[in-house]
Amino acid sequence: YAIYSIYLPTFSPISSIAQYIPYMW
């Protein structure tokens, strides 16, 4: 919940390219 649902798609360095990464949808 903390990392996968909030940090990675919103605050992490990969947030701007998350849509291109498998498993991030």
mmCIF file of all heavy atoms, coordinates in Angstrom:
data_MODEL
# 
_entry.id   MODEL 
# 
loop_
_atom_site.group_PDB 
_atom_site.id 
_atom_site.type_symbol 
_atom_site.label_atom_id 
_atom_site.label_alt_id 
_atom_site.label_comp_id 
_atom_site.label_asym_id 
_atom_site.label_entity_id 
_atom_site.label_seq_id 
_atom_site.pdbx_PDB_ins_code 
_atom_site.Cartn_x 
_atom_site.Cartn_y 
_atom_site.Cartn_z 
_atom_site.occupancy 
_atom_site.B_iso_or_equiv 
_atom_site.pdbx_formal_charge 
_atom_site.auth_seq_id 
_atom_site.auth_comp_id 
_atom_site.auth_asym_id 
_atom_site.auth_atom_id 
_atom_site.pdbx_PDB_model_num 
ATOM 1   N N   . TYR A 1 1  ? 0.840  -1.199 0.000   1.00 0.00 ? 1  TYR A N   1 
ATOM 2   C CA  . TYR A 1 1  ? 0.000  0.000  0.000   1.00 0.00 ? 1  TYR A CA  1 
ATOM 3   C C   . TYR A 1 1  ? 0.875  1.250  0.000   1.00 0.00 ? 1  TYR A C   1 
ATOM 4   O O   . TYR A 1 1  ? 0.641  2.190  -0.774  1.00 0.00 ? 1  TYR A O   1 
ATOM 5   C CB  . TYR A 1 1  ? -0.916 -0.003 1.225   1.00 0.00 ? 1  TYR A CB  1 
ATOM 6   C CG  . TYR A 1 1  ? -1.952 1.103  1.219   1.00 0.00 ? 1  TYR A CG  1 
ATOM 7   C CD1 . TYR A 1 1  ? -3.244 0.856  0.792   1.00 0.00 ? 1  TYR A CD1 1 
ATOM 8   C CD2 . TYR A 1 1  ? -1.638 2.396  1.634   1.00 0.00 ? 1  TYR A CD2 1 
ATOM 9   C CE1 . TYR A 1 1  ? -4.206 1.870  0.773   1.00 0.00 ? 1  TYR A CE1 1 
ATOM 10  C CE2 . TYR A 1 1  ? -2.573 3.411  1.616   1.00 0.00 ? 1  TYR A CE2 1 
ATOM 11  C CZ  . TYR A 1 1  ? -3.864 3.138  1.196   1.00 0.00 ? 1  TYR A CZ  1 
ATOM 12  O OH  . TYR A 1 1  ? -4.793 4.150  1.178   1.00 0.00 ? 1  TYR A OH  1 
ATOM 13  N N   . ALA A 1 2  ? 1.883  1.252  0.864   1.00 0.00 ? 2  ALA A N   1 
ATOM 14  C CA  . ALA A 1 2  ? 2.739  2.439  1.004   1.00 0.00 ? 2  ALA A CA  1 
ATOM 15  C C   . ALA A 1 2  ? 3.644  2.635  -0.208  1.00 0.00 ? 2  ALA A C   1 
ATOM 16  O O   . ALA A 1 2  ? 3.788  3.758  -0.711  1.00 0.00 ? 2  ALA A O   1 
ATOM 17  C CB  . ALA A 1 2  ? 3.575  2.328  2.273   1.00 0.00 ? 2  ALA A CB  1 
ATOM 18  N N   . ILE A 1 3  ? 4.251  1.548  -0.687  1.00 0.00 ? 3  ILE A N   1 
ATOM 19  C CA  . ILE A 1 3  ? 5.255  1.666  -1.742  1.00 0.00 ? 3  ILE A CA  1 
ATOM 20  C C   . ILE A 1 3  ? 4.644  1.557  -3.135  1.00 0.00 ? 3  ILE A C   1 
ATOM 21  O O   . ILE A 1 3  ? 4.842  2.429  -3.990  1.00 0.00 ? 3  ILE A O   1 
ATOM 22  C CB  . ILE A 1 3  ? 6.352  0.591  -1.559  1.00 0.00 ? 3  ILE A CB  1 
ATOM 23  C CG1 . ILE A 1 3  ? 7.064  0.790  -0.216  1.00 0.00 ? 3  ILE A CG1 1 
ATOM 24  C CG2 . ILE A 1 3  ? 7.344  0.632  -2.707  1.00 0.00 ? 3  ILE A CG2 1 
ATOM 25  C CD1 . ILE A 1 3  ? 8.049  -0.300 0.132   1.00 0.00 ? 3  ILE A CD1 1 
ATOM 26  N N   . TYR A 1 4  ? 3.873  0.490  -3.361  1.00 0.00 ? 4  TYR A N   1 
ATOM 27  C CA  . TYR A 1 4  ? 3.358  0.195  -4.703  1.00 0.00 ? 4  TYR A CA  1 
ATOM 28  C C   . TYR A 1 4  ? 2.197  1.108  -5.095  1.00 0.00 ? 4  TYR A C   1 
ATOM 29  O O   . TYR A 1 4  ? 2.101  1.548  -6.244  1.00 0.00 ? 4  TYR A O   1 
ATOM 30  C CB  . TYR A 1 4  ? 2.926  -1.270 -4.741  1.00 0.00 ? 4  TYR A CB  1 
ATOM 31  C CG  . TYR A 1 4  ? 2.440  -1.760 -6.083  1.00 0.00 ? 4  TYR A CG  1 
ATOM 32  C CD1 . TYR A 1 4  ? 3.249  -1.696 -7.218  1.00 0.00 ? 4  TYR A CD1 1 
ATOM 33  C CD2 . TYR A 1 4  ? 1.168  -2.320 -6.224  1.00 0.00 ? 4  TYR A CD2 1 
ATOM 34  C CE1 . TYR A 1 4  ? 2.809  -2.162 -8.447  1.00 0.00 ? 4  TYR A CE1 1 
ATOM 35  C CE2 . TYR A 1 4  ? 0.717  -2.792 -7.437  1.00 0.00 ? 4  TYR A CE2 1 
ATOM 36  C CZ  . TYR A 1 4  ? 1.542  -2.706 -8.550  1.00 0.00 ? 4  TYR A CZ  1 
ATOM 37  O OH  . TYR A 1 4  ? 1.099  -3.168 -9.768  1.00 0.00 ? 4  TYR A OH  1 
ATOM 38  N N   . SER A 1 5  ? 1.311  1.401  -4.132  1.00 0.00 ? 5  SER A N   1 
ATOM 39  C CA  . SER A 1 5  ? 0.119  2.183  -4.466  1.00 0.00 ? 5  SER A CA  1 
ATOM 40  C C   . SER A 1 5  ? 0.329  3.689  -4.332  1.00 0.00 ? 5  SER A C   1 
ATOM 41  O O   . SER A 1 5  ? -0.383 4.465  -4.969  1.00 0.00 ? 5  SER A O   1 
ATOM 42  C CB  . SER A 1 5  ? -1.056 1.755  -3.571  1.00 0.00 ? 5  SER A CB  1 
ATOM 43  O OG  . SER A 1 5  ? -1.386 0.407  -3.776  1.00 0.00 ? 5  SER A OG  1 
ATOM 44  N N   . ILE A 1 6  ? 1.294  4.110  -3.499  1.00 0.00 ? 6  ILE A N   1 
ATOM 45  C CA  . ILE A 1 6  ? 1.465  5.552  -3.256  1.00 0.00 ? 6  ILE A CA  1 
ATOM 46  C C   . ILE A 1 6  ? 2.836  6.059  -3.701  1.00 0.00 ? 6  ILE A C   1 
ATOM 47  O O   . ILE A 1 6  ? 2.930  6.950  -4.544  1.00 0.00 ? 6  ILE A O   1 
ATOM 48  C CB  . ILE A 1 6  ? 1.221  5.880  -1.770  1.00 0.00 ? 6  ILE A CB  1 
ATOM 49  C CG1 . ILE A 1 6  ? -0.239 5.587  -1.395  1.00 0.00 ? 6  ILE A CG1 1 
ATOM 50  C CG2 . ILE A 1 6  ? 1.555  7.340  -1.478  1.00 0.00 ? 6  ILE A CG2 1 
ATOM 51  C CD1 . ILE A 1 6  ? -0.570 5.808  0.052   1.00 0.00 ? 6  ILE A CD1 1 
ATOM 52  N N   . TYR A 1 7  ? 3.910  5.482  -3.147  1.00 0.00 ? 7  TYR A N   1 
ATOM 53  C CA  . TYR A 1 7  ? 5.239  6.046  -3.401  1.00 0.00 ? 7  TYR A CA  1 
ATOM 54  C C   . TYR A 1 7  ? 5.659  5.930  -4.867  1.00 0.00 ? 7  TYR A C   1 
ATOM 55  O O   . TYR A 1 7  ? 6.028  6.928  -5.504  1.00 0.00 ? 7  TYR A O   1 
ATOM 56  C CB  . TYR A 1 7  ? 6.279  5.384  -2.500  1.00 0.00 ? 7  TYR A CB  1 
ATOM 57  C CG  . TYR A 1 7  ? 7.694  5.811  -2.824  1.00 0.00 ? 7  TYR A CG  1 
ATOM 58  C CD1 . TYR A 1 7  ? 8.140  7.092  -2.508  1.00 0.00 ? 7  TYR A CD1 1 
ATOM 59  C CD2 . TYR A 1 7  ? 8.566  4.941  -3.484  1.00 0.00 ? 7  TYR A CD2 1 
ATOM 60  C CE1 . TYR A 1 7  ? 9.436  7.500  -2.834  1.00 0.00 ? 7  TYR A CE1 1 
ATOM 61  C CE2 . TYR A 1 7  ? 9.860  5.341  -3.808  1.00 0.00 ? 7  TYR A CE2 1 
ATOM 62  C CZ  . TYR A 1 7  ? 10.288 6.612  -3.482  1.00 0.00 ? 7  TYR A CZ  1 
ATOM 63  O OH  . TYR A 1 7  ? 11.559 7.008  -3.814  1.00 0.00 ? 7  TYR A OH  1 
ATOM 64  N N   . LEU A 1 8  ? 5.630  4.734  -5.416  1.00 0.00 ? 8  LEU A N   1 
ATOM 65  C CA  . LEU A 1 8  ? 6.145  4.524  -6.773  1.00 0.00 ? 8  LEU A CA  1 
ATOM 66  C C   . LEU A 1 8  ? 5.391  5.341  -7.828  1.00 0.00 ? 8  LEU A C   1 
ATOM 67  O O   . LEU A 1 8  ? 6.024  6.025  -8.648  1.00 0.00 ? 8  LEU A O   1 
ATOM 68  C CB  . LEU A 1 8  ? 6.122  3.032  -7.128  1.00 0.00 ? 8  LEU A CB  1 
ATOM 69  C CG  . LEU A 1 8  ? 7.156  2.160  -6.400  1.00 0.00 ? 8  LEU A CG  1 
ATOM 70  C CD1 . LEU A 1 8  ? 7.008  0.700  -6.799  1.00 0.00 ? 8  LEU A CD1 1 
ATOM 71  C CD2 . LEU A 1 8  ? 8.574  2.641  -6.696  1.00 0.00 ? 8  LEU A CD2 1 
ATOM 72  N N   . PRO A 1 9  ? 4.052  5.326  -7.848  1.00 0.00 ? 9  PRO A N   1 
ATOM 73  C CA  . PRO A 1 9  ? 3.365  6.082  -8.909  1.00 0.00 ? 9  PRO A CA  1 
ATOM 74  C C   . PRO A 1 9  ? 3.274  7.588  -8.669  1.00 0.00 ? 9  PRO A C   1 
ATOM 75  O O   . PRO A 1 9  ? 2.894  8.328  -9.573  1.00 0.00 ? 9  PRO A O   1 
ATOM 76  C CB  . PRO A 1 9  ? 1.962  5.456  -8.927  1.00 0.00 ? 9  PRO A CB  1 
ATOM 77  C CG  . PRO A 1 9  ? 1.751  4.932  -7.557  1.00 0.00 ? 9  PRO A CG  1 
ATOM 78  C CD  . PRO A 1 9  ? 3.104  4.498  -7.065  1.00 0.00 ? 9  PRO A CD  1 
ATOM 79  N N   . THR A 1 10 ? 3.627  8.061  -7.470  1.00 0.00 ? 10 THR A N   1 
ATOM 80  C CA  . THR A 1 10 ? 3.410  9.481  -7.159  1.00 0.00 ? 10 THR A CA  1 
ATOM 81  C C   . THR A 1 10 ? 4.693  10.223 -6.791  1.00 0.00 ? 10 THR A C   1 
ATOM 82  O O   . THR A 1 10 ? 4.936  11.333 -7.277  1.00 0.00 ? 10 THR A O   1 
ATOM 83  C CB  . THR A 1 10 ? 2.410  9.624  -5.998  1.00 0.00 ? 10 THR A CB  1 
ATOM 84  O OG1 . THR A 1 10 ? 1.229  8.876  -6.290  1.00 0.00 ? 10 THR A OG1 1 
ATOM 85  C CG2 . THR A 1 10 ? 2.039  11.079 -5.780  1.00 0.00 ? 10 THR A CG2 1 
ATOM 86  N N   . PHE A 1 11 ? 5.520  9.644  -5.952  1.00 0.00 ? 11 PHE A N   1 
ATOM 87  C CA  . PHE A 1 11 ? 6.668  10.373 -5.402  1.00 0.00 ? 11 PHE A CA  1 
ATOM 88  C C   . PHE A 1 11 ? 8.030  9.858  -5.878  1.00 0.00 ? 11 PHE A C   1 
ATOM 89  O O   . PHE A 1 11 ? 9.021  10.543 -5.686  1.00 0.00 ? 11 PHE A O   1 
ATOM 90  C CB  . PHE A 1 11 ? 6.634  10.310 -3.868  1.00 0.00 ? 11 PHE A CB  1 
ATOM 91  C CG  . PHE A 1 11 ? 5.398  10.912 -3.260  1.00 0.00 ? 11 PHE A CG  1 
ATOM 92  C CD1 . PHE A 1 11 ? 4.422  10.114 -2.683  1.00 0.00 ? 11 PHE A CD1 1 
ATOM 93  C CD2 . PHE A 1 11 ? 5.194  12.285 -3.281  1.00 0.00 ? 11 PHE A CD2 1 
ATOM 94  C CE1 . PHE A 1 11 ? 3.280  10.664 -2.118  1.00 0.00 ? 11 PHE A CE1 1 
ATOM 95  C CE2 . PHE A 1 11 ? 4.057  12.844 -2.731  1.00 0.00 ? 11 PHE A CE2 1 
ATOM 96  C CZ  . PHE A 1 11 ? 3.093  12.040 -2.150  1.00 0.00 ? 11 PHE A CZ  1 
ATOM 97  N N   . SER A 1 12 ? 8.080  8.696  -6.465  1.00 0.00 ? 12 SER A N   1 
ATOM 98  C CA  . SER A 1 12 ? 9.375  8.084  -6.796  1.00 0.00 ? 12 SER A CA  1 
ATOM 99  C C   . SER A 1 12 ? 9.964  8.676  -8.075  1.00 0.00 ? 12 SER A C   1 
ATOM 100 O O   . SER A 1 12 ? 9.258  9.323  -8.863  1.00 0.00 ? 12 SER A O   1 
ATOM 101 C CB  . SER A 1 12 ? 9.208  6.571  -6.972  1.00 0.00 ? 12 SER A CB  1 
ATOM 102 O OG  . SER A 1 12 ? 8.554  6.299  -8.199  1.00 0.00 ? 12 SER A OG  1 
ATOM 103 N N   . PRO A 1 13 ? 11.253 8.427  -8.332  1.00 0.00 ? 13 PRO A N   1 
ATOM 104 C CA  . PRO A 1 13 ? 11.878 8.919  -9.572  1.00 0.00 ? 13 PRO A CA  1 
ATOM 105 C C   . PRO A 1 13 ? 11.251 8.327  -10.836 1.00 0.00 ? 13 PRO A C   1 
ATOM 106 O O   . PRO A 1 13 ? 11.380 8.911  -11.915 1.00 0.00 ? 13 PRO A O   1 
ATOM 107 C CB  . PRO A 1 13 ? 13.344 8.472  -9.424  1.00 0.00 ? 13 PRO A CB  1 
ATOM 108 C CG  . PRO A 1 13 ? 13.548 8.315  -7.952  1.00 0.00 ? 13 PRO A CG  1 
ATOM 109 C CD  . PRO A 1 13 ? 12.246 7.835  -7.408  1.00 0.00 ? 13 PRO A CD  1 
ATOM 110 N N   . ILE A 1 14 ? 10.588 7.176  -10.718 1.00 0.00 ? 14 ILE A N   1 
ATOM 111 C CA  . ILE A 1 14 ? 10.009 6.546  -11.913 1.00 0.00 ? 14 ILE A CA  1 
ATOM 112 C C   . ILE A 1 14 ? 8.548  6.930  -12.125 1.00 0.00 ? 14 ILE A C   1 
ATOM 113 O O   . ILE A 1 14 ? 7.886  6.418  -13.024 1.00 0.00 ? 14 ILE A O   1 
ATOM 114 C CB  . ILE A 1 14 ? 10.117 5.010  -11.831 1.00 0.00 ? 14 ILE A CB  1 
ATOM 115 C CG1 . ILE A 1 14 ? 9.222  4.468  -10.712 1.00 0.00 ? 14 ILE A CG1 1 
ATOM 116 C CG2 . ILE A 1 14 ? 11.550 4.563  -11.646 1.00 0.00 ? 14 ILE A CG2 1 
ATOM 117 C CD1 . ILE A 1 14 ? 9.044  2.963  -10.743 1.00 0.00 ? 14 ILE A CD1 1 
ATOM 118 N N   . SER A 1 15 ? 8.022  7.836  -11.290 1.00 0.00 ? 15 SER A N   1 
ATOM 119 C CA  . SER A 1 15 ? 6.597  8.158  -11.368 1.00 0.00 ? 15 SER A CA  1 
ATOM 120 C C   . SER A 1 15 ? 6.196  8.695  -12.741 1.00 0.00 ? 15 SER A C   1 
ATOM 121 O O   . SER A 1 15 ? 5.090  8.435  -13.215 1.00 0.00 ? 15 SER A O   1 
ATOM 122 C CB  . SER A 1 15 ? 6.219  9.162  -10.276 1.00 0.00 ? 15 SER A CB  1 
ATOM 123 O OG  . SER A 1 15 ? 6.955  10.366 -10.417 1.00 0.00 ? 15 SER A OG  1 
ATOM 124 N N   . SER A 1 16 ? 7.098  9.433  -13.395 1.00 0.00 ? 16 SER A N   1 
ATOM 125 C CA  . SER A 1 16 ? 6.758  10.036 -14.689 1.00 0.00 ? 16 SER A CA  1 
ATOM 126 C C   . SER A 1 16 ? 6.771  9.029  -15.830 1.00 0.00 ? 16 SER A C   1 
ATOM 127 O O   . SER A 1 16 ? 6.200  9.281  -16.897 1.00 0.00 ? 16 SER A O   1 
ATOM 128 C CB  . SER A 1 16 ? 7.723  11.175 -15.007 1.00 0.00 ? 16 SER A CB  1 
ATOM 129 O OG  . SER A 1 16 ? 9.056  10.702 -15.072 1.00 0.00 ? 16 SER A OG  1 
ATOM 130 N N   . ILE A 1 17 ? 7.393  7.884  -15.615 1.00 0.00 ? 17 ILE A N   1 
ATOM 131 C CA  . ILE A 1 17 ? 7.466  6.867  -16.676 1.00 0.00 ? 17 ILE A CA  1 
ATOM 132 C C   . ILE A 1 17 ? 6.804  5.556  -16.245 1.00 0.00 ? 17 ILE A C   1 
ATOM 133 O O   . ILE A 1 17 ? 6.964  4.537  -16.910 1.00 0.00 ? 17 ILE A O   1 
ATOM 134 C CB  . ILE A 1 17 ? 8.934  6.588  -17.080 1.00 0.00 ? 17 ILE A CB  1 
ATOM 135 C CG1 . ILE A 1 17 ? 9.748  6.105  -15.859 1.00 0.00 ? 17 ILE A CG1 1 
ATOM 136 C CG2 . ILE A 1 17 ? 9.568  7.832  -17.685 1.00 0.00 ? 17 ILE A CG2 1 
ATOM 137 C CD1 . ILE A 1 17 ? 11.115 5.580  -16.220 1.00 0.00 ? 17 ILE A CD1 1 
ATOM 138 N N   . ALA A 1 18 ? 6.048  5.604  -15.144 1.00 0.00 ? 18 ALA A N   1 
ATOM 139 C CA  . ALA A 1 18 ? 5.465  4.373  -14.604 1.00 0.00 ? 18 ALA A CA  1 
ATOM 140 C C   . ALA A 1 18 ? 4.549  3.686  -15.602 1.00 0.00 ? 18 ALA A C   1 
ATOM 141 O O   . ALA A 1 18 ? 4.451  2.448  -15.628 1.00 0.00 ? 18 ALA A O   1 
ATOM 142 C CB  . ALA A 1 18 ? 4.694  4.693  -13.322 1.00 0.00 ? 18 ALA A CB  1 
ATOM 143 N N   . GLN A 1 19 ? 3.891  4.446  -16.456 1.00 0.00 ? 19 GLN A N   1 
ATOM 144 C CA  . GLN A 1 19 ? 2.945  3.851  -17.405 1.00 0.00 ? 19 GLN A CA  1 
ATOM 145 C C   . GLN A 1 19 ? 3.635  2.975  -18.451 1.00 0.00 ? 19 GLN A C   1 
ATOM 146 O O   . GLN A 1 19 ? 2.986  2.161  -19.107 1.00 0.00 ? 19 GLN A O   1 
ATOM 147 C CB  . GLN A 1 19 ? 2.164  4.955  -18.094 1.00 0.00 ? 19 GLN A CB  1 
ATOM 148 C CG  . GLN A 1 19 ? 3.022  5.949  -18.848 1.00 0.00 ? 19 GLN A CG  1 
ATOM 149 C CD  . GLN A 1 19 ? 2.228  7.158  -19.313 1.00 0.00 ? 19 GLN A CD  1 
ATOM 150 O OE1 . GLN A 1 19 ? 1.037  7.062  -19.565 1.00 0.00 ? 19 GLN A OE1 1 
ATOM 151 N NE2 . GLN A 1 19 ? 2.882  8.308  -19.409 1.00 0.00 ? 19 GLN A NE2 1 
ATOM 152 N N   . TYR A 1 20 ? 4.934  3.130  -18.608 1.00 0.00 ? 20 TYR A N   1 
ATOM 153 C CA  . TYR A 1 20 ? 5.672  2.339  -19.594 1.00 0.00 ? 20 TYR A CA  1 
ATOM 154 C C   . TYR A 1 20 ? 6.297  1.085  -18.987 1.00 0.00 ? 20 TYR A C   1 
ATOM 155 O O   . TYR A 1 20 ? 6.916  0.291  -19.693 1.00 0.00 ? 20 TYR A O   1 
ATOM 156 C CB  . TYR A 1 20 ? 6.785  3.183  -20.230 1.00 0.00 ? 20 TYR A CB  1 
ATOM 157 C CG  . TYR A 1 20 ? 6.292  4.498  -20.774 1.00 0.00 ? 20 TYR A CG  1 
ATOM 158 C CD1 . TYR A 1 20 ? 6.694  5.703  -20.197 1.00 0.00 ? 20 TYR A CD1 1 
ATOM 159 C CD2 . TYR A 1 20 ? 5.413  4.542  -21.850 1.00 0.00 ? 20 TYR A CD2 1 
ATOM 160 C CE1 . TYR A 1 20 ? 6.231  6.928  -20.687 1.00 0.00 ? 20 TYR A CE1 1 
ATOM 161 C CE2 . TYR A 1 20 ? 4.946  5.764  -22.343 1.00 0.00 ? 20 TYR A CE2 1 
ATOM 162 C CZ  . TYR A 1 20 ? 5.358  6.947  -21.757 1.00 0.00 ? 20 TYR A CZ  1 
ATOM 163 O OH  . TYR A 1 20 ? 4.891  8.143  -22.240 1.00 0.00 ? 20 TYR A OH  1 
ATOM 164 N N   . ILE A 1 21 ? 6.136  0.914  -17.684 1.00 0.00 ? 21 ILE A N   1 
ATOM 165 C CA  . ILE A 1 21 ? 6.809  -0.167 -16.969 1.00 0.00 ? 21 ILE A CA  1 
ATOM 166 C C   . ILE A 1 21 ? 5.818  -1.290 -16.662 1.00 0.00 ? 21 ILE A C   1 
ATOM 167 O O   . ILE A 1 21 ? 4.774  -1.050 -16.054 1.00 0.00 ? 21 ILE A O   1 
ATOM 168 C CB  . ILE A 1 21 ? 7.428  0.352  -15.661 1.00 0.00 ? 21 ILE A CB  1 
ATOM 169 C CG1 . ILE A 1 21 ? 8.411  1.492  -15.947 1.00 0.00 ? 21 ILE A CG1 1 
ATOM 170 C CG2 . ILE A 1 21 ? 8.121  -0.779 -14.904 1.00 0.00 ? 21 ILE A CG2 1 
ATOM 171 C CD1 . ILE A 1 21 ? 8.967  2.141  -14.693 1.00 0.00 ? 21 ILE A CD1 1 
ATOM 172 N N   . PRO A 1 22 ? 6.121  -2.521 -17.053 1.00 0.00 ? 22 PRO A N   1 
ATOM 173 C CA  . PRO A 1 22 ? 5.249  -3.650 -16.701 1.00 0.00 ? 22 PRO A CA  1 
ATOM 174 C C   . PRO A 1 22 ? 5.101  -3.786 -15.189 1.00 0.00 ? 22 PRO A C   1 
ATOM 175 O O   . PRO A 1 22 ? 6.042  -3.517 -14.436 1.00 0.00 ? 22 PRO A O   1 
ATOM 176 C CB  . PRO A 1 22 ? 6.000  -4.855 -17.285 1.00 0.00 ? 22 PRO A CB  1 
ATOM 177 C CG  . PRO A 1 22 ? 6.834  -4.289 -18.389 1.00 0.00 ? 22 PRO A CG  1 
ATOM 178 C CD  . PRO A 1 22 ? 7.230  -2.915 -17.924 1.00 0.00 ? 22 PRO A CD  1 
ATOM 179 N N   . TYR A 1 23 ? 3.921  -4.180 -14.778 1.00 0.00 ? 23 TYR A N   1 
ATOM 180 C CA  . TYR A 1 23 ? 3.529  -4.383 -13.383 1.00 0.00 ? 23 TYR A CA  1 
ATOM 181 C C   . TYR A 1 23 ? 3.081  -3.102 -12.694 1.00 0.00 ? 23 TYR A C   1 
ATOM 182 O O   . TYR A 1 23 ? 2.525  -3.134 -11.601 1.00 0.00 ? 23 TYR A O   1 
ATOM 183 C CB  . TYR A 1 23 ? 4.658  -5.018 -12.559 1.00 0.00 ? 23 TYR A CB  1 
ATOM 184 C CG  . TYR A 1 23 ? 4.202  -5.538 -11.203 1.00 0.00 ? 23 TYR A CG  1 
ATOM 185 C CD1 . TYR A 1 23 ? 3.308  -6.600 -11.112 1.00 0.00 ? 23 TYR A CD1 1 
ATOM 186 C CD2 . TYR A 1 23 ? 4.650  -4.963 -10.031 1.00 0.00 ? 23 TYR A CD2 1 
ATOM 187 C CE1 . TYR A 1 23 ? 2.872  -7.079 -9.890  1.00 0.00 ? 23 TYR A CE1 1 
ATOM 188 C CE2 . TYR A 1 23 ? 4.220  -5.430 -8.783  1.00 0.00 ? 23 TYR A CE2 1 
ATOM 189 C CZ  . TYR A 1 23 ? 3.340  -6.476 -8.731  1.00 0.00 ? 23 TYR A CZ  1 
ATOM 190 O OH  . TYR A 1 23 ? 2.899  -6.942 -7.510  1.00 0.00 ? 23 TYR A OH  1 
ATOM 191 N N   . MET A 1 24 ? 3.266  -1.941 -13.329 1.00 0.00 ? 24 MET A N   1 
ATOM 192 C CA  . MET A 1 24 ? 2.918  -0.695 -12.663 1.00 0.00 ? 24 MET A CA  1 
ATOM 193 C C   . MET A 1 24 ? 1.462  -0.279 -12.872 1.00 0.00 ? 24 MET A C   1 
ATOM 194 O O   . MET A 1 24 ? 0.990  0.644  -12.236 1.00 0.00 ? 24 MET A O   1 
ATOM 195 C CB  . MET A 1 24 ? 3.841  0.437  -13.119 1.00 0.00 ? 24 MET A CB  1 
ATOM 196 C CG  . MET A 1 24 ? 5.264  0.337  -12.578 1.00 0.00 ? 24 MET A CG  1 
ATOM 197 S SD  . MET A 1 24 ? 5.323  0.199  -10.782 1.00 0.00 ? 24 MET A SD  1 
ATOM 198 C CE  . MET A 1 24 ? 4.576  1.736  -10.300 1.00 0.00 ? 24 MET A CE  1 
ATOM 199 N N   . TRP A 1 25 ? 0.759  -0.949 -13.780 1.00 0.00 ? 25 TRP A N   1 
ATOM 200 C CA  . TRP A 1 25 ? -0.669 -0.672 -13.962 1.00 0.00 ? 25 TRP A CA  1 
ATOM 201 C C   . TRP A 1 25 ? -1.421 -1.442 -12.887 1.00 0.00 ? 25 TRP A C   1 
ATOM 202 O O   . TRP A 1 25 ? -2.013 -2.499 -13.135 1.00 0.00 ? 25 TRP A O   1 
ATOM 203 C CB  . TRP A 1 25 ? -1.120 -1.084 -15.362 1.00 0.00 ? 25 TRP A CB  1 
ATOM 204 C CG  . TRP A 1 25 ? -0.545 -0.221 -16.457 1.00 0.00 ? 25 TRP A CG  1 
ATOM 205 C CD1 . TRP A 1 25 ? 0.774  -0.036 -16.756 1.00 0.00 ? 25 TRP A CD1 1 
ATOM 206 C CD2 . TRP A 1 25 ? -1.286 0.575  -17.390 1.00 0.00 ? 25 TRP A CD2 1 
ATOM 207 N NE1 . TRP A 1 25 ? 0.922  0.824  -17.810 1.00 0.00 ? 25 TRP A NE1 1 
ATOM 208 C CE2 . TRP A 1 25 ? -0.334 1.220  -18.227 1.00 0.00 ? 25 TRP A CE2 1 
ATOM 209 C CE3 . TRP A 1 25 ? -2.634 0.804  -17.599 1.00 0.00 ? 25 TRP A CE3 1 
ATOM 210 C CZ2 . TRP A 1 25 ? -0.706 2.072  -19.254 1.00 0.00 ? 25 TRP A CZ2 1 
ATOM 211 C CZ3 . TRP A 1 25 ? -3.013 1.661  -18.630 1.00 0.00 ? 25 TRP A CZ3 1 
ATOM 212 C CH2 . TRP A 1 25 ? -2.063 2.285  -19.446 1.00 0.00 ? 25 TRP A CH2 1 
# 
